[in-house]
C-alpha atoms as a PDB file:
ATOM      1  CA  UNK A   1       0.000   0.000   0.000  1.00  0.00           C
ATOM      2  CA  UNK A   2       1.257   3.466  -0.910  1.00  0.00           C
ATOM      3  CA  UNK A   3       0.374   6.720   0.844  1.00  0.00           C
ATOM      4  CA  UNK A   4       0.972  10.332  -0.107  1.00  0.00           C
ATOM      5  CA  UNK A   5       0.186  13.354   2.031  1.00  0.00           C
ATOM      6  CA  UNK A   6      -0.112  17.084   1.512  1.00  0.00           C
ATOM      7  CA  UNK A   7      -0.152  19.634   4.331  1.00  0.00           C
ATOM      8  CA  UNK A   8      -1.772  23.059   4.155  1.00  0.00           C
ATOM      9  CA  UNK A   9      -2.820  25.637   6.736  1.00  0.00           C
ATOM     10  CA  UNK A  10      -5.436  28.291   7.346  1.00  0.00           C
ATOM     11  CA  UNK A  11      -6.459  30.689  10.082  1.00  0.00           C
ATOM     12  CA  UNK A  12     -10.037  30.955  11.298  1.00  0.00           C
ATOM     13  CA  UNK A  13     -12.176  31.861  14.295  1.00  0.00           C
ATOM     14  CA  UNK A  14     -14.923  29.819  15.920  1.00  0.00           C
ATOM     15  CA  UNK A  15     -16.662  29.062  19.152  1.00  0.00           C
ATOM     16  CA  UNK A  16     -18.151  25.778  20.298  1.00  0.00           C
ATOM     17  CA  UNK A  17     -21.867  25.670  21.033  1.00  0.00           C
ATOM     18  CA  UNK A  18     -23.116  23.628  24.001  1.00  0.00           C
ATOM     19  CA  UNK A  19     -19.615  23.523  25.451  1.00  0.00           C
ATOM     20  CA  UNK A  20     -18.720  24.645  28.937  1.00  0.00           C
ATOM     21  CA  UNK A  21     -15.246  26.088  29.115  1.00  0.00           C
ATOM     22  CA  UNK A  22     -13.051  28.615  27.406  1.00  0.00           C
ATOM     23  CA  UNK A  23     -13.775  27.206  23.909  1.00  0.00           C
ATOM     24  CA  UNK A  24     -17.379  28.391  24.179  1.00  0.00           C
ATOM     25  CA  UNK A  25     -16.020  31.920  23.706  1.00  0.00           C
ATOM     26  CA  UNK A  26     -14.990  33.299  20.334  1.00  0.00           C
ATOM     27  CA  UNK A  27     -11.355  32.415  19.608  1.00  0.00           C
ATOM     28  CA  UNK A  28      -9.112  31.521  16.686  1.00  0.00           C
ATOM     29  CA  UNK A  29      -6.634  28.919  15.537  1.00  0.00           C
ATOM     30  CA  UNK A  30      -3.893  28.597  12.990  1.00  0.00           C
ATOM     31  CA  UNK A  31      -5.101  25.254  11.683  1.00  0.00           C
ATOM     32  CA  UNK A  32      -2.876  22.734   9.944  1.00  0.00           C
ATOM     33  CA  UNK A  33      -4.517  20.212   7.619  1.00  0.00           C
ATOM     34  CA  UNK A  34      -3.019  16.975   6.313  1.00  0.00           C
ATOM     35  CA  UNK A  35      -4.755  15.118   3.499  1.00  0.00           C
ATOM     36  CA  UNK A  36      -3.526  11.549   3.022  1.00  0.00           C
ATOM     37  CA  UNK A  37      -4.325   9.374   0.014  1.00  0.00           C
ATOM     38  CA  UNK A  38      -3.755   5.632  -0.159  1.00  0.00           C
ATOM     39  CA  UNK A  39      -3.751   3.032  -2.884  1.00  0.00           C
ATOM     40  CA  UNK A  40      -2.214  -0.290  -3.814  1.00  0.00           C
ATOM     41  CA  UNK A  41      -1.008   0.640  -7.301  1.00  0.00           C
ATOM     42  CA  UNK A  42       0.998   3.439  -8.869  1.00  0.00           C
ATOM     43  CA  UNK A  43       0.078   4.934 -12.246  1.00  0.00           C
ATOM     44  CA  UNK A  44       2.163   4.564 -15.407  1.00  0.00           C
ATOM     45  CA  UNK A  45       4.314   7.532 -14.296  1.00  0.00           C
ATOM     46  CA  UNK A  46       5.055   5.892 -10.954  1.00  0.00           C
ATOM     47  CA  UNK A  47       2.752   8.169  -8.937  1.00  0.00           C
ATOM     48  CA  UNK A  48      -0.089   7.357  -6.596  1.00  0.00           C
ATOM     49  CA  UNK A  49      -1.662  10.775  -7.252  1.00  0.00           C
ATOM     50  CA  UNK A  50      -0.366  14.036  -8.693  1.00  0.00           C
ATOM     51  CA  UNK A  51       0.761  16.297  -5.816  1.00  0.00           C
ATOM     52  CA  UNK A  52       0.118  19.389  -7.944  1.00  0.00           C
ATOM     53  CA  UNK A  53      -3.553  18.539  -8.502  1.00  0.00           C
ATOM     54  CA  UNK A  54      -4.053  17.475  -4.879  1.00  0.00           C
ATOM     55  CA  UNK A  55      -2.553  20.752  -3.594  1.00  0.00           C
ATOM     56  CA  UNK A  56      -4.790  22.765  -5.940  1.00  0.00           C
ATOM     57  CA  UNK A  57      -7.899  20.973  -4.683  1.00  0.00           C
ATOM     58  CA  UNK A  58      -6.965  21.348  -1.012  1.00  0.00           C
ATOM     59  CA  UNK A  59      -6.029  25.008  -1.394  1.00  0.00           C
ATOM     60  CA  UNK A  60      -9.419  25.675  -2.994  1.00  0.00           C
ATOM     61  CA  UNK A  61     -11.261  23.977  -0.136  1.00  0.00           C
ATOM     62  CA  UNK A  62      -9.222  25.740   2.538  1.00  0.00           C
ATOM     63  CA  UNK A  63      -9.557  29.123   0.819  1.00  0.00           C
ATOM     64  CA  UNK A  64     -13.272  29.032   1.648  1.00  0.00           C
ATOM     65  CA  UNK A  65     -12.401  28.693   5.373  1.00  0.00           C
ATOM     66  CA  UNK A  66      -9.353  30.939   5.647  1.00  0.00           C
ATOM     67  CA  UNK A  67      -9.747  34.081   7.783  1.00  0.00           C
ATOM     68  CA  UNK A  68     -13.445  33.385   8.347  1.00  0.00           C
ATOM     69  CA  UNK A  69     -15.692  33.028  11.362  1.00  0.00           C
ATOM     70  CA  UNK A  70     -16.569  29.365  10.867  1.00  0.00           C
ATOM     71  CA  UNK A  71     -19.846  29.532  12.815  1.00  0.00           C
ATOM     72  CA  UNK A  72     -21.283  31.727  10.045  1.00  0.00           C
ATOM     73  CA  UNK A  73     -20.393  29.323   7.202  1.00  0.00           C
ATOM     74  CA  UNK A  74     -22.355  26.303   6.046  1.00  0.00           C
ATOM     75  CA  UNK A  75     -22.399  23.645   7.446  1.00  0.00           C
ATOM     76  CA  UNK A  76     -21.010  25.179  10.642  1.00  0.00           C
ATOM     77  CA  UNK A  77     -23.922  27.551  10.996  1.00  0.00           C
ATOM     78  CA  UNK A  78     -25.725  24.419  12.286  1.00  0.00           C
ATOM     79  CA  UNK A  79     -22.922  21.896  12.879  1.00  0.00           C
ATOM     80  CA  UNK A  80     -20.484  22.657  15.684  1.00  0.00           C
ATOM     81  CA  UNK A  81     -17.131  23.735  14.176  1.00  0.00           C
ATOM     82  CA  UNK A  82     -15.044  21.248  16.149  1.00  0.00           C
ATOM     83  CA  UNK A  83     -11.784  19.942  14.712  1.00  0.00           C
ATOM     84  CA  UNK A  84     -13.548  16.619  14.119  1.00  0.00           C
ATOM     85  CA  UNK A  85     -16.337  18.230  12.090  1.00  0.00           C
ATOM     86  CA  UNK A  86     -13.887  20.447  10.209  1.00  0.00           C
ATOM     87  CA  UNK A  87     -11.892  17.346   9.212  1.00  0.00           C
ATOM     88  CA  UNK A  88     -15.002  15.643   7.863  1.00  0.00           C
ATOM     89  CA  UNK A  89     -16.084  18.789   6.020  1.00  0.00           C
ATOM     90  CA  UNK A  90     -12.666  19.080   4.368  1.00  0.00           C
ATOM     91  CA  UNK A  91     -12.888  15.394   3.392  1.00  0.00           C
ATOM     92  CA  UNK A  92     -16.324  15.849   1.808  1.00  0.00           C
ATOM     93  CA  UNK A  93     -15.315  18.950  -0.141  1.00  0.00           C
ATOM     94  CA  UNK A  94     -11.976  17.493  -1.249  1.00  0.00           C
ATOM     95  CA  UNK A  95     -13.474  14.160  -2.338  1.00  0.00           C
ATOM     96  CA  UNK A  96     -15.991  15.969  -4.582  1.00  0.00           C
ATOM     97  CA  UNK A  97     -13.205  17.747  -6.462  1.00  0.00           C
ATOM     98  CA  UNK A  98     -10.638  14.984  -6.876  1.00  0.00           C
ATOM     99  CA  UNK A  99     -10.474  13.367 -10.264  1.00  0.00           C
ATOM    100  CA  UNK A 100     -10.835   9.593 -10.433  1.00  0.00           C
ATOM    101  CA  UNK A 101      -7.702   7.571 -11.056  1.00  0.00           C
ATOM    102  CA  UNK A 102      -7.305   4.228 -12.792  1.00  0.00           C
ATOM    103  CA  UNK A 103      -5.234   2.987  -9.853  1.00  0.00           C
ATOM    104  CA  UNK A 104      -8.018   3.664  -7.331  1.00  0.00           C
ATOM    105  CA  UNK A 105      -6.147   6.156  -5.123  1.00  0.00           C
ATOM    106  CA  UNK A 106      -8.519   7.592  -2.532  1.00  0.00           C
ATOM    107  CA  UNK A 107      -8.474   9.771   0.573  1.00  0.00           C
ATOM    108  CA  UNK A 108      -7.607   7.607   3.565  1.00  0.00           C
ATOM    109  CA  UNK A 109      -7.601  10.349   6.198  1.00  0.00           C
ATOM    110  CA  UNK A 110      -7.864  14.053   6.913  1.00  0.00           C
ATOM    111  CA  UNK A 111      -6.146  15.381  10.034  1.00  0.00           C
ATOM    112  CA  UNK A 112      -6.804  18.863  11.389  1.00  0.00           C
ATOM    113  CA  UNK A 113      -4.516  20.351  14.045  1.00  0.00           C
ATOM    114  CA  UNK A 114      -5.839  23.190  16.196  1.00  0.00           C
ATOM    115  CA  UNK A 115      -2.438  23.545  17.836  1.00  0.00           C
ATOM    116  CA  UNK A 116       0.951  21.837  17.788  1.00  0.00           C
ATOM    117  CA  UNK A 117      -0.298  19.247  20.270  1.00  0.00           C
ATOM    118  CA  UNK A 118      -4.018  18.738  19.492  1.00  0.00           C
ATOM    119  CA  UNK A 119      -5.472  17.176  16.357  1.00  0.00           C
ATOM    120  CA  UNK A 120      -8.524  15.309  15.097  1.00  0.00           C
ATOM    121  CA  UNK A 121      -8.549  12.790  12.238  1.00  0.00           C
ATOM    122  CA  UNK A 122     -11.435  11.720  10.001  1.00  0.00           C
ATOM    123  CA  UNK A 123     -11.195   8.450   8.060  1.00  0.00           C
ATOM    124  CA  UNK A 124     -13.950   7.689   5.541  1.00  0.00           C
END
């Protein structure tokens, strides 16, 4: 099995609804996002997936979140903007925009760090 990963980052503000503690107040993070793809076969070029295309897709998804108040954006206007929910949202948006490959490469995980020591991972 092969894996490739791309890391990107964005800054955004949020607050957690129905949470008791300091995260219920408006605050921000410099988020780091890692998108990992996995597959058993490489393409004819010897790649699992083109890094250039993957970075373009991820940057487009993250651009919609960067320097925003997440609680005002869909789906976070209803869904709590936790790191777990952000990871799933990034997965859903990224998966829609990735082109299919003959070798079957697919997203295996999305990890979102809120800080250097705290992260949440979504695996489809």
